[in-house]
Protein backbone atom coordinates (compact mmCIF):
# COMPACT_ATOMS: atom_id res chain seq x y z
CA MET A 1 -17.99 19.76 -4.48
CA LYS A 2 -18.01 16.39 -6.44
CA GLY A 3 -16.48 13.23 -5.38
CA LEU A 4 -16.33 9.63 -6.53
CA ALA A 5 -18.00 7.55 -3.93
CA MET A 6 -19.10 4.06 -3.04
CA LEU A 7 -22.87 3.94 -3.60
CA GLY A 8 -23.29 0.49 -2.22
CA PHE A 9 -21.78 -2.93 -2.79
CA HIS A 10 -20.57 -3.32 -6.37
CA LYS A 11 -21.45 0.32 -7.25
CA VAL A 12 -19.61 3.58 -7.53
CA GLY A 13 -20.66 6.96 -8.80
CA TRP A 14 -20.22 10.71 -8.59
CA ILE A 15 -21.96 12.55 -5.81
CA ASP A 16 -22.26 16.10 -4.54
CA LYS A 17 -21.23 16.92 -0.99
CA PRO A 18 -20.36 20.11 0.92
CA VAL A 19 -16.74 21.14 0.96
CA PRO A 20 -15.36 19.76 4.25
CA SER A 21 -14.98 22.13 7.25
CA ILE A 22 -11.63 21.75 9.13
CA GLY A 23 -10.52 21.89 12.75
CA PRO A 24 -7.86 24.07 14.28
CA MET A 25 -5.09 21.48 13.61
CA ASP A 26 -6.30 20.41 10.19
CA ALA A 27 -5.83 21.32 6.62
CA LEU A 28 -8.08 21.53 3.56
CA ALA A 29 -6.45 20.21 0.35
CA ARG A 30 -7.27 19.80 -3.27
CA PRO A 31 -5.78 16.86 -5.24
CA LEU A 32 -3.01 17.37 -7.81
CA ALA A 33 -2.45 13.66 -8.46
CA VAL A 34 -4.30 10.57 -7.26
CA SER A 35 -4.12 6.85 -7.87
CA PRO A 36 -6.80 4.24 -7.29
CA CYS A 37 -5.82 1.14 -5.24
CA THR A 38 -6.84 -2.43 -5.08
CA SER A 39 -7.94 -1.58 -1.58
CA ASP A 40 -10.73 0.52 -3.09
CA VAL A 41 -11.69 -2.55 -5.26
CA HIS A 42 -11.77 -4.76 -2.04
CA THR A 43 -13.97 -2.07 -0.34
CA VAL A 44 -16.52 -1.74 -3.14
CA TRP A 45 -16.63 -5.01 -4.94
CA GLU A 46 -15.77 -7.50 -2.09
CA GLY A 47 -17.43 -5.63 0.75
CA ALA A 48 -14.34 -6.15 2.92
CA LEU A 49 -15.11 -3.15 5.27
CA GLY A 50 -18.89 -3.36 5.09
CA ASP A 51 -21.10 -0.91 3.26
CA ARG A 52 -19.52 2.58 3.00
CA HIS A 53 -22.60 4.03 1.35
CA GLY A 54 -21.92 7.58 0.14
CA LEU A 55 -18.32 7.68 1.29
CA ILE A 56 -15.80 9.26 -1.06
CA LEU A 57 -13.15 6.81 -2.08
CA GLY A 58 -9.41 7.09 -2.45
CA HIS A 59 -6.49 7.27 -0.15
CA GLU A 60 -3.43 8.06 -2.39
CA ALA A 61 -2.79 11.71 -3.25
CA VAL A 62 -0.50 14.53 -3.75
CA ALA A 63 -2.21 17.81 -3.17
CA GLU A 64 -2.20 21.60 -2.72
CA VAL A 65 -3.03 23.03 0.58
CA VAL A 66 -6.03 25.34 0.39
CA GLU A 67 -6.62 26.24 4.00
CA VAL A 68 -5.12 25.55 7.32
CA GLY A 69 -6.51 25.70 10.83
CA PRO A 70 -5.01 28.41 13.27
CA LEU A 71 -2.86 25.85 15.16
CA VAL A 72 -1.12 24.49 12.13
CA ARG A 73 2.49 25.58 12.17
CA ASP A 74 4.46 24.10 9.35
CA PHE A 75 2.11 24.32 6.30
CA LYS A 76 0.26 27.19 4.60
CA PRO A 77 -2.10 27.72 1.63
CA GLY A 78 -0.29 26.93 -1.73
CA ASP A 79 2.11 24.36 -0.32
CA ARG A 80 2.35 21.10 -2.42
CA VAL A 81 2.22 18.03 -0.12
CA ILE A 82 2.19 14.26 -0.14
CA ILE A 83 -0.80 12.74 1.60
CA PRO A 84 -0.05 9.47 3.54
CA ALA A 85 -2.77 6.86 3.14
CA ILE A 86 -2.67 6.50 6.92
CA THR A 87 -3.47 9.70 8.90
CA PRO A 88 -3.77 8.91 12.60
CA HIS A 89 -4.65 10.84 15.63
CA TRP A 90 -1.25 11.11 17.12
CA GLU A 91 -2.22 12.00 20.64
CA THR A 92 -4.06 8.76 21.36
CA VAL A 93 -2.84 5.94 23.65
CA PRO A 94 -2.37 3.37 20.71
CA SER A 95 -0.19 5.99 18.92
CA GLN A 96 2.00 6.47 21.99
CA MET A 97 2.24 2.62 22.23
CA GLY A 98 3.74 2.55 18.77
CA PHE A 99 0.66 1.44 16.84
CA HIS A 100 -0.71 4.67 15.40
CA GLN A 101 -2.34 2.65 12.55
CA HIS A 102 -4.94 1.64 15.18
CA SER A 103 -5.50 4.91 16.83
CA GLY A 104 -9.17 5.13 17.76
CA GLY A 105 -9.58 1.30 17.20
CA LEU A 106 -8.67 -1.46 14.81
CA LEU A 107 -7.39 0.01 11.50
CA ASN A 108 -8.86 3.45 12.56
CA GLY A 109 -5.56 5.26 11.58
CA TRP A 110 -6.71 4.51 8.04
CA GLN A 111 -9.05 7.45 7.88
CA PHE A 112 -9.48 8.10 4.09
CA SER A 113 -12.34 6.06 2.49
CA ASN A 114 -12.69 4.05 5.76
CA VAL A 115 -14.04 6.39 8.44
CA ARG A 116 -14.03 9.69 6.52
CA ASP A 117 -14.33 10.85 2.93
CA GLY A 118 -11.29 10.02 0.84
CA VAL A 119 -9.17 11.89 -1.71
CA PHE A 120 -11.36 11.31 -4.81
CA GLY A 121 -13.10 14.59 -4.10
CA GLU A 122 -12.51 18.12 -5.33
CA TYR A 123 -11.41 18.95 -1.74
CA PHE A 124 -10.68 16.82 1.25
CA GLN A 125 -9.75 17.29 4.93
CA VAL A 126 -6.44 16.15 6.41
CA ILE A 127 -6.56 15.85 10.18
CA GLN A 128 -3.63 17.00 12.30
CA ALA A 129 -1.83 18.50 9.31
CA ASP A 130 1.59 19.05 10.92
CA GLY A 131 1.86 15.29 11.64
CA ASN A 132 0.06 13.91 8.49
CA LEU A 133 1.32 16.04 5.61
CA ALA A 134 4.84 15.78 4.03
CA PRO A 135 6.24 18.42 1.81
CA LEU A 136 6.65 17.53 -1.92
CA PRO A 137 10.40 17.72 -2.54
CA ASP A 138 11.86 19.77 -5.29
CA GLY A 139 12.59 17.68 -8.40
CA VAL A 140 10.00 15.04 -7.53
CA GLY A 141 6.75 15.28 -9.67
CA PRO A 142 3.28 14.66 -8.31
CA GLU A 143 2.74 11.57 -10.48
CA GLU A 144 5.77 9.84 -8.95
CA ALA A 145 5.17 11.15 -5.48
CA VAL A 146 1.74 9.67 -5.32
CA MET A 147 3.33 6.27 -5.08
CA LEU A 148 4.71 7.36 -1.78
CA SER A 149 1.25 7.59 -0.31
CA ASP A 150 0.62 3.85 -0.05
CA MET A 151 2.55 1.62 -2.62
CA VAL A 152 6.06 2.33 -1.43
CA PRO A 153 5.46 2.41 2.37
CA THR A 154 3.24 -0.64 2.22
CA GLY A 155 5.66 -2.73 0.20
CA PHE A 156 8.57 -1.53 2.39
CA HIS A 157 6.59 -2.24 5.52
CA GLY A 158 6.44 -5.81 4.38
CA ALA A 159 10.19 -5.96 4.11
CA ASP A 160 10.67 -4.12 7.42
CA ASN A 161 8.22 -6.46 9.32
CA ALA A 162 10.11 -9.46 7.76
CA GLU A 163 13.36 -8.05 9.20
CA VAL A 164 15.09 -8.70 5.93
CA SER A 165 18.87 -8.71 6.26
CA TYR A 166 22.02 -9.05 4.25
CA GLY A 167 22.46 -12.15 2.29
CA GLU A 168 19.08 -13.62 2.99
CA ALA A 169 16.69 -15.47 0.62
CA VAL A 170 13.21 -14.00 0.50
CA ALA A 171 10.10 -14.93 -1.34
CA VAL A 172 7.58 -12.19 -2.29
CA ILE A 173 4.09 -13.56 -3.01
CA GLY A 174 2.07 -11.28 -5.21
CA ILE A 175 4.00 -8.76 -7.46
CA GLY A 176 1.41 -6.13 -8.17
CA PRO A 177 2.52 -2.60 -7.23
CA VAL A 178 2.83 -3.37 -3.46
CA GLY A 179 4.70 -6.65 -4.12
CA LEU A 180 7.15 -4.86 -6.57
CA MET A 181 7.89 -2.34 -3.75
CA ALA A 182 8.31 -5.31 -1.35
CA VAL A 183 10.89 -6.69 -3.77
CA ALA A 184 12.54 -3.22 -3.96
CA GLY A 185 12.48 -2.88 -0.20
CA ALA A 186 13.95 -6.37 0.38
CA ASN A 187 16.63 -5.59 -2.16
CA LEU A 188 17.53 -2.35 -0.46
CA ARG A 189 17.64 -4.13 2.98
CA GLY A 190 20.27 -6.51 1.49
CA ALA A 191 18.45 -9.66 0.43
CA ALA A 192 20.69 -11.77 -1.82
CA ARG A 193 18.06 -13.94 -3.54
CA ILE A 194 14.50 -12.72 -4.08
CA PHE A 195 11.84 -15.04 -5.44
CA ALA A 196 8.96 -13.03 -7.01
CA VAL A 197 5.77 -14.89 -7.33
CA GLY A 198 3.30 -13.74 -10.05
CA SER A 199 2.03 -14.45 -13.47
CA ARG A 200 1.68 -11.25 -15.42
CA GLU A 201 4.64 -10.61 -17.73
CA ILE A 202 4.82 -6.87 -17.13
CA CYS A 203 5.00 -7.42 -13.41
CA GLN A 204 7.60 -10.16 -13.68
CA SER A 205 9.94 -7.97 -15.86
CA THR A 206 9.51 -5.05 -13.42
CA ALA A 207 10.25 -7.29 -10.54
CA ARG A 208 13.57 -8.15 -12.23
CA LEU A 209 14.22 -4.32 -12.44
CA TYR A 210 13.65 -4.03 -8.69
CA GLY A 211 15.95 -6.74 -7.78
CA ALA A 212 14.22 -10.12 -8.13
CA THR A 213 16.65 -12.99 -8.97
CA ASP A 214 14.09 -15.72 -9.63
CA LEU A 215 10.53 -15.42 -11.16
CA ILE A 216 7.93 -17.98 -10.22
CA ASN A 217 4.68 -18.33 -12.06
CA TYR A 218 2.00 -20.04 -10.04
CA LYS A 219 0.37 -21.02 -13.35
CA ASN A 220 3.34 -23.28 -14.05
CA GLY A 221 2.85 -25.51 -11.02
CA ASN A 222 2.88 -25.61 -7.28
CA VAL A 223 4.66 -22.43 -5.94
CA VAL A 224 6.28 -24.23 -3.06
CA ASP A 225 7.60 -27.00 -5.25
CA GLN A 226 9.07 -24.59 -7.72
CA ILE A 227 10.95 -22.59 -5.09
CA MET A 228 12.12 -25.71 -3.19
CA GLU A 229 13.43 -27.16 -6.54
CA ALA A 230 15.35 -23.88 -7.13
CA THR A 231 16.93 -23.85 -3.64
CA HIS A 232 17.61 -27.73 -3.60
CA GLY A 233 15.15 -28.14 -0.75
CA LYS A 234 16.35 -25.35 1.41
CA PRO A 235 13.66 -23.06 2.97
CA VAL A 236 13.94 -19.33 2.49
CA ASP A 237 14.63 -17.01 5.36
CA LYS A 238 11.61 -14.73 4.98
CA VAL A 239 8.37 -14.54 3.11
CA ILE A 240 6.43 -11.40 2.30
CA ILE A 241 2.83 -11.88 1.25
CA ALA A 242 1.70 -8.84 -0.92
CA GLY A 243 -1.16 -10.45 -2.87
CA GLY A 244 -2.87 -13.61 -3.75
CA THR A 245 -5.44 -15.65 -1.98
CA LEU A 246 -5.61 -16.98 1.59
CA GLU A 247 -3.72 -20.01 0.23
CA ALA A 248 -0.62 -17.86 0.26
CA PHE A 249 -0.25 -18.32 3.96
CA GLU A 250 -0.04 -22.12 3.56
CA TRP A 251 2.63 -21.67 0.91
CA ALA A 252 4.49 -19.33 3.18
CA ILE A 253 4.54 -21.54 6.14
CA ARG A 254 5.96 -24.38 4.01
CA LEU A 255 8.58 -22.17 2.43
CA VAL A 256 10.07 -20.44 5.43
CA ARG A 257 12.80 -21.86 7.61
CA PRO A 258 12.34 -22.52 11.36
CA ALA A 259 12.54 -19.16 13.19
CA GLY A 260 11.84 -17.32 9.97
CA ILE A 261 9.28 -14.71 9.56
CA VAL A 262 6.14 -14.44 7.37
CA SER A 263 5.15 -10.79 6.87
CA ASN A 264 1.75 -10.02 5.39
CA VAL A 265 0.78 -6.64 3.96
CA ASN A 266 -1.93 -8.04 1.64
CA TYR A 267 -5.46 -6.62 2.26
CA LEU A 268 -7.42 -9.80 2.75
CA GLY A 269 -10.71 -8.84 1.21
CA THR A 270 -12.41 -12.27 1.15
CA GLY A 271 -12.68 -15.41 3.01
CA GLU A 272 -13.25 -16.16 6.72
CA TYR A 273 -10.19 -18.14 8.03
CA ILE A 274 -6.38 -18.44 7.32
CA LYS A 275 -5.33 -21.99 7.43
CA VAL A 276 -1.93 -22.89 8.93
CA ASN A 277 -0.84 -26.48 8.49
CA ARG A 278 -0.02 -27.99 12.00
CA LEU A 279 2.95 -30.01 10.81
CA ASP A 280 4.42 -27.29 8.57
CA TRP A 281 4.22 -25.03 11.55
CA GLY A 282 6.24 -27.50 13.58
CA LEU A 283 3.33 -28.55 15.81
CA GLY A 284 3.13 -24.88 16.77
CA MET A 285 6.67 -24.74 18.00
CA SER A 286 8.70 -23.81 14.92
CA HIS A 287 9.49 -20.29 16.14
CA ILE A 288 8.11 -19.02 12.86
CA LYS A 289 6.72 -15.59 13.36
CA ILE A 290 3.61 -14.59 11.44
CA ILE A 291 2.94 -10.87 11.39
CA GLY A 292 0.51 -8.67 9.46
CA GLY A 293 0.78 -4.97 9.46
CA LEU A 294 -0.85 -1.87 8.14
CA MET A 295 1.64 0.55 6.59
CA PRO A 296 3.10 3.31 8.88
CA GLY A 297 1.49 6.69 8.44
CA GLY A 298 2.50 10.32 9.13
CA ARG A 299 4.89 12.82 8.01
CA LYS A 300 8.31 11.35 9.11
CA ASN A 301 8.04 8.09 7.14
CA ILE A 302 6.96 9.91 3.91
CA GLU A 303 9.70 12.44 4.22
CA TYR A 304 12.35 9.71 4.59
CA LEU A 305 10.87 7.65 1.70
CA SER A 306 10.71 10.74 -0.53
CA ASN A 307 14.50 11.21 -0.07
CA LEU A 308 14.99 7.89 -1.98
CA LEU A 309 13.19 9.39 -4.91
CA LYS A 310 14.97 12.76 -4.48
CA TYR A 311 18.40 11.32 -4.49
CA GLY A 312 17.87 8.58 -7.08
CA LYS A 313 17.86 5.46 -4.83
CA LEU A 314 14.34 4.42 -6.01
CA ASP A 315 12.60 4.94 -9.30
CA VAL A 316 8.88 4.51 -9.14
CA LYS A 317 8.17 5.43 -12.75
CA PRO A 318 8.06 1.80 -13.90
CA LEU A 319 4.93 1.39 -11.76
CA LEU A 320 3.00 4.05 -13.66
CA THR A 321 1.70 2.16 -16.63
CA HIS A 322 -1.52 4.24 -17.29
CA ARG A 323 -1.62 7.99 -17.10
CA PHE A 324 -4.70 10.21 -17.23
CA LYS A 325 -5.16 13.96 -17.05
CA GLY A 326 -8.38 15.39 -15.55
CA PHE A 327 -10.50 14.94 -12.45
CA GLY A 328 -13.16 13.11 -14.42
CA TYR A 329 -10.93 10.20 -15.27
CA ILE A 330 -10.66 8.94 -11.67
CA GLU A 331 -13.61 6.51 -12.32
CA GLU A 332 -11.97 5.10 -15.39
CA ALA A 333 -8.69 4.66 -13.53
CA LEU A 334 -10.55 2.86 -10.71
CA MET A 335 -12.13 0.44 -13.13
CA LEU A 336 -8.76 -0.41 -14.53
CA MET A 337 -7.72 -1.50 -10.98
CA LYS A 338 -10.84 -3.66 -10.83
CA ASP A 339 -10.39 -5.34 -14.18
CA LYS A 340 -6.60 -5.50 -14.09
CA PRO A 341 -5.65 -5.72 -17.77
CA ARG A 342 -2.48 -7.65 -18.58
CA ASP A 343 -0.38 -4.43 -19.23
CA LEU A 344 -1.44 -2.70 -15.97
CA ILE A 345 0.61 -2.14 -12.85
CA LYS A 346 -0.77 1.17 -11.58
CA PRO A 347 -2.81 4.08 -13.01
CA VAL A 348 -2.35 7.73 -12.06
CA VAL A 349 -4.56 10.67 -12.60
CA THR A 350 -3.17 14.20 -12.62
CA ILE A 351 -5.52 17.11 -12.04
């Protein structure tokens, strides 16, 4: 089979590999729709995970089941399924402790394009299929459903970890596709005022669509000053970091109230250290919580989130700005995520 792989730092290309073999609890799938992610860009062009030479990229897919192992109960060949970006080993101790994202070690629940070949191949293996596949609901198309692999759960995880509640003021730093879903998640959780920080016009207008009340362009001046001016000097309750540079943490600590929460879901691909100003952090005693989390994986989370699409509570179509048809367009779509033209939010490739 063919797959689009990392060939080394700053280099991708098509390679040939054997079709994966599967274990008794696993499934073999072929992609119906895939979407490149900024995480793929961090991996290849920033070397954030180290060299993944020859590893097939991609972790966002809707697929058709081709084969299942003899112990798989709930899925069969021909089923159309949503593939979570995080597919952990559910029997491990970290999973039983509630941190399945780190089953087998730090970030090891992130299997695709990290520790095993990803979904940009003609076929790919899904471990522990009953726990890591979710049925594609009737009435939800593969293009929209692929946003449930990563963008929706990651953005919503930012809002969940921030413990956003009714009437709160929330700042979302970075309004690419994950940040836009953080805005949507904060809105669904009841935030009253949502500051969306970003510069691209298409992202700003889409943030409004998802519930942002205030748009902050970092090119127009200091982000903290702009938000504090809008609130008349009152800190926000929660900050969700979904993009930007390491400087975003300095902004967040200055923006959030005492005992507030800074929730990071941004993949920090470059830099060595995060700086937290001692005074802004109340000499270390402000009760401000700083939490960073990898999105939850597995079947249950995707099934619940897919209900939001099925019953019209969430519309992800505004994220899909660039559409391609054909397996061979995956590389072109990936390069779009790398170059980020002004009219891009998210590309999707149907196969």
